[in-house]
Amino acid sequence: MIYPAAGSMLYMLLELITAFLFGGLLLGLHRKIIARIQGRPGPPIVQHLIHTFKFYIKELTIPETSSMPLYVAIVLALSAVWVLAFLVGPVLLGPFSIIIMCYAVHKVSEHGIGLASGSPYTKMGSTRAVLSATAEMPLIVAPALVFFKTHTLVLSDIINYQILHGSLFMDLPLAAIATFILLLSKTPFNPFGIVWGKDIVSGYKTEHFGVIRGVMMFGEILGFFVLLWCFLTIFFGGIFNTPLTIMLTMIGVTIILGFICALTPMIAPYHSVMIQWIFALLALINVLFI
């Protein structure tokens, strides 16, 4: 699933569908872990996928206050950037810099989705998306440290470097922790999830229903898969370099994320930014070891 030799369009499509289904199951497992820790039975693991598919058969409603065609186009853009990131990353093992660019466009899309509907709740979610971006963008320091260590940002070369010299986690532990915090911020019900806070209903997604919400959830599932895969590949590529080991490790990391989200309350917006900045600055300490 992870390392194809060559890619026909059909093969890439099958890869994409597999990643979507597996990513949806991971998010379902994440939700199940949270429920069990909090003393609830929780939904079945397949519930997140069922919830996503459900929107594809529901009626599409568009608010009168929305800005068309931006209301639709920005959601398509959010999903499209993660499809591109998936093809560049797990499928082709190409430049990690393109995935970083896709993540930056993702943050812009979050902001645009909130503004496009015209709802005060989505606008607040849009504002918080910008606020969270100020905390997450400094974490780009982690791939910069990877480049200084390996002299490349091509994923296939990073994997080969780790096979020869050992996993980068041993050389860049603080950068790995900073990246893990970024990954944590992309999971549901996480302590840094200020853009989806219950105080603003569903954040920037509040006014999106029907198939457009399903497309949005497809992009979110694929984005979680790609970020989790990148975290394991960049820092543990020397250990987990087969499809089976990566899939098993993804499950393990998802369980850890579930424990953290279940035991940690949501942090206030400005405190969230401050904490993520601290981890980004700590990652810079790894410069001393390079």
C-alpha atoms as a PDB file:
ATOM      1  CA  MET A   1       0.000   0.000   0.000  1.00  0.00           C
ATOM      2  CA  ILE A   2       2.739   2.452   0.893  1.00  0.00           C
ATOM      3  CA  TYR A   3       5.614   1.892  -1.534  1.00  0.00           C
ATOM      4  CA  PRO A   4       4.440   1.165  -5.109  1.00  0.00           C
ATOM      5  CA  ALA A   5       7.111   0.705  -7.754  1.00  0.00           C
ATOM      6  CA  ALA A   6       5.180   2.553 -10.404  1.00  0.00           C
ATOM      7  CA  GLY A   7       1.787   4.125 -10.545  1.00  0.00           C
ATOM      8  CA  SER A   8      -0.928   3.759 -13.067  1.00  0.00           C
ATOM      9  CA  MET A   9      -3.975   5.948 -12.561  1.00  0.00           C
ATOM     10  CA  LEU A  10      -6.029   2.956 -11.438  1.00  0.00           C
ATOM     11  CA  TYR A  11      -3.351   1.853  -8.986  1.00  0.00           C
ATOM     12  CA  MET A  12      -3.144   5.345  -7.517  1.00  0.00           C
ATOM     13  CA  LEU A  13      -6.926   5.454  -7.185  1.00  0.00           C
ATOM     14  CA  LEU A  14      -6.888   2.162  -5.288  1.00  0.00           C
ATOM     15  CA  GLU A  15      -4.134   3.524  -3.050  1.00  0.00           C
ATOM     16  CA  LEU A  16      -6.202   6.640  -2.394  1.00  0.00           C
ATOM     17  CA  ILE A  17      -9.323   4.645  -1.507  1.00  0.00           C
ATOM     18  CA  THR A  18      -7.314   2.359   0.779  1.00  0.00           C
ATOM     19  CA  ALA A  19      -5.759   5.325   2.596  1.00  0.00           C
ATOM     20  CA  PHE A  20      -9.186   6.944   3.014  1.00  0.00           C
ATOM     21  CA  LEU A  21     -10.754   3.785   4.453  1.00  0.00           C
ATOM     22  CA  PHE A  22      -7.813   3.056   6.743  1.00  0.00           C
ATOM     23  CA  GLY A  23      -7.631   6.693   7.873  1.00  0.00           C
ATOM     24  CA  GLY A  24     -11.359   6.648   8.641  1.00  0.00           C
ATOM     25  CA  LEU A  25     -10.921   3.509  10.739  1.00  0.00           C
ATOM     26  CA  LEU A  26      -8.043   5.141  12.607  1.00  0.00           C
ATOM     27  CA  LEU A  27     -10.209   8.141  13.476  1.00  0.00           C
ATOM     28  CA  GLY A  28     -12.972   5.754  14.522  1.00  0.00           C
ATOM     29  CA  LEU A  29     -10.494   3.953  16.779  1.00  0.00           C
ATOM     30  CA  HIS A  30      -9.383   7.317  18.151  1.00  0.00           C
ATOM     31  CA  ARG A  31     -12.985   8.148  19.087  1.00  0.00           C
ATOM     32  CA  LYS A  32     -13.504   4.684  20.609  1.00  0.00           C
ATOM     33  CA  ILE A  33     -10.414   5.026  22.803  1.00  0.00           C
ATOM     34  CA  ILE A  34     -11.606   8.401  24.108  1.00  0.00           C
ATOM     35  CA  ALA A  35     -15.039   6.978  24.931  1.00  0.00           C
ATOM     36  CA  ARG A  36     -13.676   3.945  26.782  1.00  0.00           C
ATOM     37  CA  ILE A  37     -11.275   6.040  28.874  1.00  0.00           C
ATOM     38  CA  GLN A  38     -14.166   8.337  29.808  1.00  0.00           C
ATOM     39  CA  GLY A  39     -16.323   5.389  30.858  1.00  0.00           C
ATOM     40  CA  ARG A  40     -18.608   5.347  27.796  1.00  0.00           C
ATOM     41  CA  PRO A  41     -19.137   2.425  25.377  1.00  0.00           C
ATOM     42  CA  GLY A  42     -18.561   4.722  22.423  1.00  0.00           C
ATOM     43  CA  PRO A  43     -19.555   4.195  18.790  1.00  0.00           C
ATOM     44  CA  PRO A  44     -18.213   1.309  16.660  1.00  0.00           C
ATOM     45  CA  ILE A  45     -14.836   1.889  15.029  1.00  0.00           C
ATOM     46  CA  VAL A  46     -16.453   2.127  11.597  1.00  0.00           C
ATOM     47  CA  GLN A  47     -18.705   4.967  12.769  1.00  0.00           C
ATOM     48  CA  HIS A  48     -16.471   7.745  11.442  1.00  0.00           C
ATOM     49  CA  LEU A  49     -16.614   6.254   7.953  1.00  0.00           C
ATOM     50  CA  ILE A  50     -20.379   5.724   8.225  1.00  0.00           C
ATOM     51  CA  HIS A  51     -20.739   9.324   9.382  1.00  0.00           C
ATOM     52  CA  THR A  52     -18.769  10.476   6.339  1.00  0.00           C
ATOM     53  CA  PHE A  53     -20.720   8.368   3.835  1.00  0.00           C
ATOM     54  CA  LYS A  54     -23.991   9.530   5.387  1.00  0.00           C
ATOM     55  CA  PHE A  55     -23.437  13.081   4.179  1.00  0.00           C
ATOM     56  CA  TYR A  56     -23.162  11.944   0.555  1.00  0.00           C
ATOM     57  CA  ILE A  57     -26.835  10.906   0.542  1.00  0.00           C
ATOM     58  CA  LYS A  58     -28.162  13.875   2.507  1.00  0.00           C
ATOM     59  CA  GLU A  59     -29.678  16.945   0.914  1.00  0.00           C
ATOM     60  CA  LEU A  60     -27.222  19.683   0.014  1.00  0.00           C
ATOM     61  CA  THR A  61     -28.198  22.958   1.662  1.00  0.00           C
ATOM     62  CA  ILE A  62     -26.403  26.216   0.995  1.00  0.00           C
ATOM     63  CA  PRO A  63     -26.935  29.200   3.332  1.00  0.00           C
ATOM     64  CA  GLU A  64     -28.365  32.364   1.815  1.00  0.00           C
ATOM     65  CA  THR A  65     -25.535  34.313   3.422  1.00  0.00           C
ATOM     66  CA  SER A  66     -22.843  32.221   1.715  1.00  0.00           C
ATOM     67  CA  SER A  67     -20.465  33.552  -0.916  1.00  0.00           C
ATOM     68  CA  MET A  68     -20.888  31.443  -4.023  1.00  0.00           C
ATOM     69  CA  PRO A  69     -18.967  29.867  -5.713  1.00  0.00           C
ATOM     70  CA  LEU A  70     -16.298  30.248  -2.992  1.00  0.00           C
ATOM     71  CA  TYR A  71     -18.507  28.276  -0.585  1.00  0.00           C
ATOM     72  CA  VAL A  72     -18.084  25.147  -2.733  1.00  0.00           C
ATOM     73  CA  ALA A  73     -14.692  25.801  -4.320  1.00  0.00           C
ATOM     74  CA  ILE A  74     -12.808  26.236  -1.051  1.00  0.00           C
ATOM     75  CA  VAL A  75     -14.007  22.846   0.231  1.00  0.00           C
ATOM     76  CA  LEU A  76     -12.909  21.184  -2.995  1.00  0.00           C
ATOM     77  CA  ALA A  77      -9.528  22.895  -2.608  1.00  0.00           C
ATOM     78  CA  LEU A  78      -9.125  21.524   0.925  1.00  0.00           C
ATOM     79  CA  SER A  79      -9.666  17.959  -0.258  1.00  0.00           C
ATOM     80  CA  ALA A  80      -7.602  18.436  -3.429  1.00  0.00           C
ATOM     81  CA  VAL A  81      -4.473  19.547  -1.557  1.00  0.00           C
ATOM     82  CA  TRP A  82      -4.554  16.408   0.588  1.00  0.00           C
ATOM     83  CA  VAL A  83      -5.000  14.224  -2.482  1.00  0.00           C
ATOM     84  CA  LEU A  84      -1.891  15.907  -3.916  1.00  0.00           C
ATOM     85  CA  ALA A  85      -0.027  15.455  -0.630  1.00  0.00           C
ATOM     86  CA  PHE A  86      -0.958  11.763  -0.584  1.00  0.00           C
ATOM     87  CA  LEU A  87       0.270  11.213  -4.128  1.00  0.00           C
ATOM     88  CA  VAL A  88       3.539  13.059  -3.486  1.00  0.00           C
ATOM     89  CA  GLY A  89       4.114  11.373  -0.127  1.00  0.00           C
ATOM     90  CA  PRO A  90       3.012   7.764   0.434  1.00  0.00           C
ATOM     91  CA  VAL A  91       2.626   6.948  -3.280  1.00  0.00           C
ATOM     92  CA  LEU A  92       5.624   8.580  -4.986  1.00  0.00           C
ATOM     93  CA  LEU A  93       7.929   9.302  -2.011  1.00  0.00           C
ATOM     94  CA  GLY A  94       8.620  12.683  -3.542  1.00  0.00           C
ATOM     95  CA  PRO A  95       9.642  16.075  -2.111  1.00  0.00           C
ATOM     96  CA  PHE A  96       8.427  16.671   1.423  1.00  0.00           C
ATOM     97  CA  SER A  97       8.458  20.399   0.647  1.00  0.00           C
ATOM     98  CA  ILE A  98       5.349  19.914  -1.522  1.00  0.00           C
ATOM     99  CA  ILE A  99       3.523  18.334   1.433  1.00  0.00           C
ATOM    100  CA  ILE A 100       4.502  21.339   3.560  1.00  0.00           C
ATOM    101  CA  MET A 101       3.051  23.589   0.870  1.00  0.00           C
ATOM    102  CA  CYS A 102      -0.153  21.507   0.860  1.00  0.00           C
ATOM    103  CA  TYR A 103      -0.432  21.909   4.605  1.00  0.00           C
ATOM    104  CA  ALA A 104      -0.082  25.682   4.279  1.00  0.00           C
ATOM    105  CA  VAL A 105      -2.850  25.734   1.644  1.00  0.00           C
ATOM    106  CA  HIS A 106      -4.945  23.600   4.009  1.00  0.00           C
ATOM    107  CA  LYS A 107      -4.700  26.297   6.672  1.00  0.00           C
ATOM    108  CA  VAL A 108      -5.764  28.933   4.138  1.00  0.00           C
ATOM    109  CA  SER A 109      -8.689  26.709   3.152  1.00  0.00           C
ATOM    110  CA  GLU A 110      -9.818  26.417   6.773  1.00  0.00           C
ATOM    111  CA  HIS A 111      -9.900  30.195   6.950  1.00  0.00           C
ATOM    112  CA  GLY A 112     -11.764  30.503   3.651  1.00  0.00           C
ATOM    113  CA  ILE A 113     -14.363  27.873   4.556  1.00  0.00           C
ATOM    114  CA  GLY A 114     -15.274  29.810   7.675  1.00  0.00           C
ATOM    115  CA  LEU A 115     -15.628  33.112   5.845  1.00  0.00           C
ATOM    116  CA  ALA A 116     -17.558  31.724   2.869  1.00  0.00           C
ATOM    117  CA  SER A 117     -20.722  30.705   4.743  1.00  0.00           C
ATOM    118  CA  GLY A 118     -21.399  34.065   6.408  1.00  0.00           C
ATOM    119  CA  SER A 119     -22.306  32.530   9.785  1.00  0.00           C
ATOM    120  CA  PRO A 120     -20.907  34.200  12.937  1.00  0.00           C
ATOM    121  CA  TYR A 121     -19.886  30.782  14.274  1.00  0.00           C
ATOM    122  CA  THR A 122     -17.962  29.869  11.152  1.00  0.00           C
ATOM    123  CA  LYS A 123     -16.335  33.304  11.095  1.00  0.00           C
ATOM    124  CA  MET A 124     -15.145  32.732  14.658  1.00  0.00           C
ATOM    125  CA  GLY A 125     -13.789  29.348  13.589  1.00  0.00           C
ATOM    126  CA  SER A 126     -12.088  31.064  10.656  1.00  0.00           C
ATOM    127  CA  THR A 127     -10.466  33.575  13.001  1.00  0.00           C
ATOM    128  CA  ARG A 128      -9.241  30.780  15.219  1.00  0.00           C
ATOM    129  CA  ALA A 129      -7.871  28.958  12.157  1.00  0.00           C
ATOM    130  CA  VAL A 130      -5.620  31.959  11.539  1.00  0.00           C
ATOM    131  CA  LEU A 131      -4.667  31.991  15.217  1.00  0.00           C
ATOM    132  CA  SER A 132      -3.801  28.298  15.151  1.00  0.00           C
ATOM    133  CA  ALA A 133      -1.762  28.819  11.982  1.00  0.00           C
ATOM    134  CA  THR A 134       0.473  31.277  13.836  1.00  0.00           C
ATOM    135  CA  ALA A 135       1.268  28.439  16.235  1.00  0.00           C
ATOM    136  CA  GLU A 136       1.633  25.652  13.684  1.00  0.00           C
ATOM    137  CA  MET A 137       3.697  27.352  10.994  1.00  0.00           C
ATOM    138  CA  PRO A 138       6.774  27.749  13.271  1.00  0.00           C
ATOM    139  CA  LEU A 139       6.784  23.960  13.562  1.00  0.00           C
ATOM    140  CA  ILE A 140       8.135  23.945  10.011  1.00  0.00           C
ATOM    141  CA  VAL A 141      11.422  24.196  11.887  1.00  0.00           C
ATOM    142  CA  ALA A 142      11.231  20.397  12.254  1.00  0.00           C
ATOM    143  CA  PRO A 143      11.562  19.580   8.525  1.00  0.00           C
ATOM    144  CA  ALA A 144      14.246  22.290   8.303  1.00  0.00           C
ATOM    145  CA  LEU A 145      16.257  20.366  10.893  1.00  0.00           C
ATOM    146  CA  VAL A 146      15.670  17.158   8.948  1.00  0.00           C
ATOM    147  CA  PHE A 147      17.135  18.861   5.871  1.00  0.00           C
ATOM    148  CA  PHE A 148      20.206  20.085   7.764  1.00  0.00           C
ATOM    149  CA  LYS A 149      20.788  16.555   9.017  1.00  0.00           C
ATOM    150  CA  THR A 150      20.134  14.585   5.833  1.00  0.00           C
ATOM    151  CA  HIS A 151      20.800  17.292   3.191  1.00  0.00           C
ATOM    152  CA  THR A 152      17.566  16.346   1.413  1.00  0.00           C
ATOM    153  CA  LEU A 153      13.807  16.694   1.694  1.00  0.00           C
ATOM    154  CA  VAL A 154      13.004  13.933  -0.773  1.00  0.00           C
ATOM    155  CA  LEU A 155      11.164  11.270   1.203  1.00  0.00           C
ATOM    156  CA  SER A 156      12.802   8.305  -0.520  1.00  0.00           C
ATOM    157  CA  ASP A 157      16.249   9.732   0.289  1.00  0.00           C
ATOM    158  CA  ILE A 158      15.251  10.392   3.909  1.00  0.00           C
ATOM    159  CA  ILE A 159      14.170   6.755   4.251  1.00  0.00           C
ATOM    160  CA  ASN A 160      17.433   5.515   2.721  1.00  0.00           C
ATOM    161  CA  TYR A 161      19.423   7.787   5.058  1.00  0.00           C
ATOM    162  CA  GLN A 162      17.700   6.254   8.085  1.00  0.00           C
ATOM    163  CA  ILE A 163      18.252   2.712   6.839  1.00  0.00           C
ATOM    164  CA  LEU A 164      21.995   3.461   6.715  1.00  0.00           C
ATOM    165  CA  HIS A 165      22.381   5.717   9.771  1.00  0.00           C
ATOM    166  CA  GLY A 166      19.444   4.901  12.034  1.00  0.00           C
ATOM    167  CA  SER A 167      16.170   6.647  12.713  1.00  0.00           C
ATOM    168  CA  LEU A 168      16.205  10.427  12.879  1.00  0.00           C
ATOM    169  CA  PHE A 169      14.279  10.314  16.148  1.00  0.00           C
ATOM    170  CA  MET A 170      17.541   9.485  17.899  1.00  0.00           C
ATOM    171  CA  ASP A 171      19.240  12.575  16.431  1.00  0.00           C
ATOM    172  CA  LEU A 172      16.246  14.959  16.445  1.00  0.00           C
ATOM    173  CA  PRO A 173      14.047  13.964  19.404  1.00  0.00           C
ATOM    174  CA  LEU A 174      12.823  17.508  20.102  1.00  0.00           C
ATOM    175  CA  ALA A 175      11.939  18.055  16.451  1.00  0.00           C
ATOM    176  CA  ALA A 176      10.015  14.773  16.525  1.00  0.00           C
ATOM    177  CA  ILE A 177       8.104  15.872  19.630  1.00  0.00           C
ATOM    178  CA  ALA A 178       7.246  19.206  17.999  1.00  0.00           C
ATOM    179  CA  THR A 179       5.924  17.350  14.941  1.00  0.00           C
ATOM    180  CA  PHE A 180       3.940  15.026  17.205  1.00  0.00           C
ATOM    181  CA  ILE A 181       2.274  18.075  18.779  1.00  0.00           C
ATOM    182  CA  LEU A 182       1.326  19.244  15.293  1.00  0.00           C
ATOM    183  CA  LEU A 183      -0.116  15.787  14.561  1.00  0.00           C
ATOM    184  CA  LEU A 184      -2.031  15.899  17.853  1.00  0.00           C
ATOM    185  CA  SER A 185      -3.588  19.232  16.858  1.00  0.00           C
ATOM    186  CA  LYS A 186      -5.111  17.560  13.765  1.00  0.00           C
ATOM    187  CA  THR A 187      -7.014  14.879  15.695  1.00  0.00           C
ATOM    188  CA  PRO A 188     -10.645  15.326  16.820  1.00  0.00           C
ATOM    189  CA  PHE A 189     -11.300  16.413  20.418  1.00  0.00           C
ATOM    190  CA  ASN A 190      -7.667  17.375  20.948  1.00  0.00           C
ATOM    191  CA  PRO A 191      -6.472  19.976  23.484  1.00  0.00           C
ATOM    192  CA  PHE A 192      -5.404  22.308  20.644  1.00  0.00           C
ATOM    193  CA  GLY A 193      -8.641  21.955  18.641  1.00  0.00           C
ATOM    194  CA  ILE A 194      -9.672  25.576  19.018  1.00  0.00           C
ATOM    195  CA  VAL A 195     -11.103  25.754  15.484  1.00  0.00           C
ATOM    196  CA  TRP A 196     -13.726  23.092  16.352  1.00  0.00           C
ATOM    197  CA  GLY A 197     -14.534  24.211  19.904  1.00  0.00           C
ATOM    198  CA  LYS A 198     -18.028  23.396  21.167  1.00  0.00           C
ATOM    199  CA  ASP A 199     -18.388  27.029  22.208  1.00  0.00           C
ATOM    200  CA  ILE A 200     -18.632  27.852  18.484  1.00  0.00           C
ATOM    201  CA  VAL A 201     -20.817  24.809  17.610  1.00  0.00           C
ATOM    202  CA  SER A 202     -18.669  23.026  14.957  1.00  0.00           C
ATOM    203  CA  GLY A 203     -16.345  25.895  14.149  1.00  0.00           C
ATOM    204  CA  TYR A 204     -15.740  26.661  10.496  1.00  0.00           C
ATOM    205  CA  LYS A 205     -17.712  23.523   9.495  1.00  0.00           C
ATOM    206  CA  THR A 206     -20.970  24.593  11.167  1.00  0.00           C
ATOM    207  CA  GLU A 207     -22.859  25.622   8.004  1.00  0.00           C
ATOM    208  CA  HIS A 208     -21.728  22.829   5.687  1.00  0.00           C
ATOM    209  CA  PHE A 209     -24.151  19.968   5.083  1.00  0.00           C
ATOM    210  CA  GLY A 210     -24.837  17.275   2.534  1.00  0.00           C
ATOM    211  CA  VAL A 211     -22.297  16.152  -0.012  1.00  0.00           C
ATOM    212  CA  ILE A 212     -20.118  19.223   0.549  1.00  0.00           C
ATOM    213  CA  ARG A 213     -19.634  18.170   4.190  1.00  0.00           C
ATOM    214  CA  GLY A 214     -18.802  14.664   3.012  1.00  0.00           C
ATOM    215  CA  VAL A 215     -16.117  16.042   0.690  1.00  0.00           C
ATOM    216  CA  MET A 216     -14.713  18.068   3.579  1.00  0.00           C
ATOM    217  CA  MET A 217     -14.572  14.997   5.826  1.00  0.00           C
ATOM    218  CA  PHE A 218     -12.856  13.036   3.052  1.00  0.00           C
ATOM    219  CA  GLY A 219     -10.106  15.675   2.988  1.00  0.00           C
ATOM    220  CA  GLU A 220      -9.774  15.644   6.779  1.00  0.00           C
ATOM    221  CA  ILE A 221      -9.456  11.851   6.904  1.00  0.00           C
ATOM    222  CA  LEU A 222      -6.869  11.818   4.140  1.00  0.00           C
ATOM    223  CA  GLY A 223      -5.000  14.680   5.809  1.00  0.00           C
ATOM    224  CA  PHE A 224      -4.772  12.789   9.092  1.00  0.00           C
ATOM    225  CA  PHE A 225      -3.456   9.716   7.254  1.00  0.00           C
ATOM    226  CA  VAL A 226      -0.817  11.718   5.389  1.00  0.00           C
ATOM    227  CA  LEU A 227       0.410  13.600   8.469  1.00  0.00           C
ATOM    228  CA  LEU A 228       0.601  10.411  10.529  1.00  0.00           C
ATOM    229  CA  TRP A 229       2.461   8.628   7.721  1.00  0.00           C
ATOM    230  CA  CYS A 230       4.888  11.557   7.326  1.00  0.00           C
ATOM    231  CA  PHE A 231       5.618  11.630  11.072  1.00  0.00           C
ATOM    232  CA  LEU A 232       6.504   7.934  11.130  1.00  0.00           C
ATOM    233  CA  THR A 233       8.413   8.001   7.845  1.00  0.00           C
ATOM    234  CA  ILE A 234      10.534  11.046   8.614  1.00  0.00           C
ATOM    235  CA  PHE A 235      11.539  10.144  12.165  1.00  0.00           C
ATOM    236  CA  PHE A 236      11.254   6.336  12.238  1.00  0.00           C
ATOM    237  CA  GLY A 237      11.845   5.414   8.604  1.00  0.00           C
ATOM    238  CA  GLY A 238      14.761   3.195   9.507  1.00  0.00           C
ATOM    239  CA  ILE A 239      12.524   0.972  11.651  1.00  0.00           C
ATOM    240  CA  PHE A 240       9.052   1.116  10.135  1.00  0.00           C
ATOM    241  CA  ASN A 241       9.737   0.880   6.430  1.00  0.00           C
ATOM    242  CA  THR A 242       7.270  -1.763   5.269  1.00  0.00           C
ATOM    243  CA  PRO A 243       3.521  -1.336   4.700  1.00  0.00           C
ATOM    244  CA  LEU A 244       2.600  -3.741   7.509  1.00  0.00           C
ATOM    245  CA  THR A 245       4.878  -2.195  10.134  1.00  0.00           C
ATOM    246  CA  ILE A 246       3.726   1.328   9.225  1.00  0.00           C
ATOM    247  CA  MET A 247       0.049   0.353   9.452  1.00  0.00           C
ATOM    248  CA  LEU A 248       0.544  -1.330  12.829  1.00  0.00           C
ATOM    249  CA  THR A 249       2.510   1.648  14.115  1.00  0.00           C
ATOM    250  CA  MET A 250      -0.192   4.024  12.867  1.00  0.00           C
ATOM    251  CA  ILE A 251      -2.671   2.107  15.013  1.00  0.00           C
ATOM    252  CA  GLY A 252      -0.353   2.355  18.017  1.00  0.00           C
ATOM    253  CA  VAL A 253       0.191   6.100  17.607  1.00  0.00           C
ATOM    254  CA  THR A 254      -3.575   6.626  17.172  1.00  0.00           C
ATOM    255  CA  ILE A 255      -4.166   4.864  20.492  1.00  0.00           C
ATOM    256  CA  ILE A 256      -1.602   7.144  22.160  1.00  0.00           C
ATOM    257  CA  LEU A 257      -3.299  10.193  20.637  1.00  0.00           C
ATOM    258  CA  GLY A 258      -6.634   8.931  21.938  1.00  0.00           C
ATOM    259  CA  PHE A 259      -5.274   8.661  25.480  1.00  0.00           C
ATOM    260  CA  ILE A 260      -3.891  12.198  25.338  1.00  0.00           C
ATOM    261  CA  CYS A 261      -7.127  13.668  23.957  1.00  0.00           C
ATOM    262  CA  ALA A 262      -9.251  11.815  26.520  1.00  0.00           C
ATOM    263  CA  LEU A 263      -7.208  12.961  29.507  1.00  0.00           C
ATOM    264  CA  THR A 264      -6.462  16.550  28.436  1.00  0.00           C
ATOM    265  CA  PRO A 265      -9.052  19.355  28.381  1.00  0.00           C
ATOM    266  CA  MET A 266      -9.230  21.827  25.514  1.00  0.00           C
ATOM    267  CA  ILE A 267      -6.763  24.656  26.008  1.00  0.00           C
ATOM    268  CA  ALA A 268      -7.808  28.287  25.603  1.00  0.00           C
ATOM    269  CA  PRO A 269      -6.921  29.738  22.158  1.00  0.00           C
ATOM    270  CA  TYR A 270      -4.024  31.951  23.236  1.00  0.00           C
ATOM    271  CA  HIS A 271      -2.629  29.331  25.584  1.00  0.00           C
ATOM    272  CA  SER A 272      -2.790  26.838  22.705  1.00  0.00           C
ATOM    273  CA  VAL A 273      -0.679  29.138  20.558  1.00  0.00           C
ATOM    274  CA  MET A 274       1.802  29.748  23.357  1.00  0.00           C
ATOM    275  CA  ILE A 275       2.304  26.043  24.103  1.00  0.00           C
ATOM    276  CA  GLN A 276       2.860  25.131  20.458  1.00  0.00           C
ATOM    277  CA  TRP A 277       5.332  28.001  20.099  1.00  0.00           C
ATOM    278  CA  ILE A 278       7.241  26.650  23.094  1.00  0.00           C
ATOM    279  CA  PHE A 279       7.566  23.222  21.460  1.00  0.00           C
ATOM    280  CA  ALA A 280       8.705  24.843  18.223  1.00  0.00           C
ATOM    281  CA  LEU A 281      11.390  26.790  20.063  1.00  0.00           C
ATOM    282  CA  LEU A 282      12.488  23.668  21.914  1.00  0.00           C
ATOM    283  CA  ALA A 283      12.928  21.956  18.554  1.00  0.00           C
ATOM    284  CA  LEU A 284      15.541  24.590  17.697  1.00  0.00           C
ATOM    285  CA  ILE A 285      17.687  23.191  20.498  1.00  0.00           C
ATOM    286  CA  ASN A 286      18.326  20.236  18.217  1.00  0.00           C
ATOM    287  CA  VAL A 287      20.576  22.555  16.177  1.00  0.00           C
ATOM    288  CA  LEU A 288      23.167  21.968  18.893  1.00  0.00           C
ATOM    289  CA  PHE A 289      23.264  18.276  18.020  1.00  0.00           C
ATOM    290  CA  ILE A 290      23.648  18.678  14.247  1.00  0.00           C
END
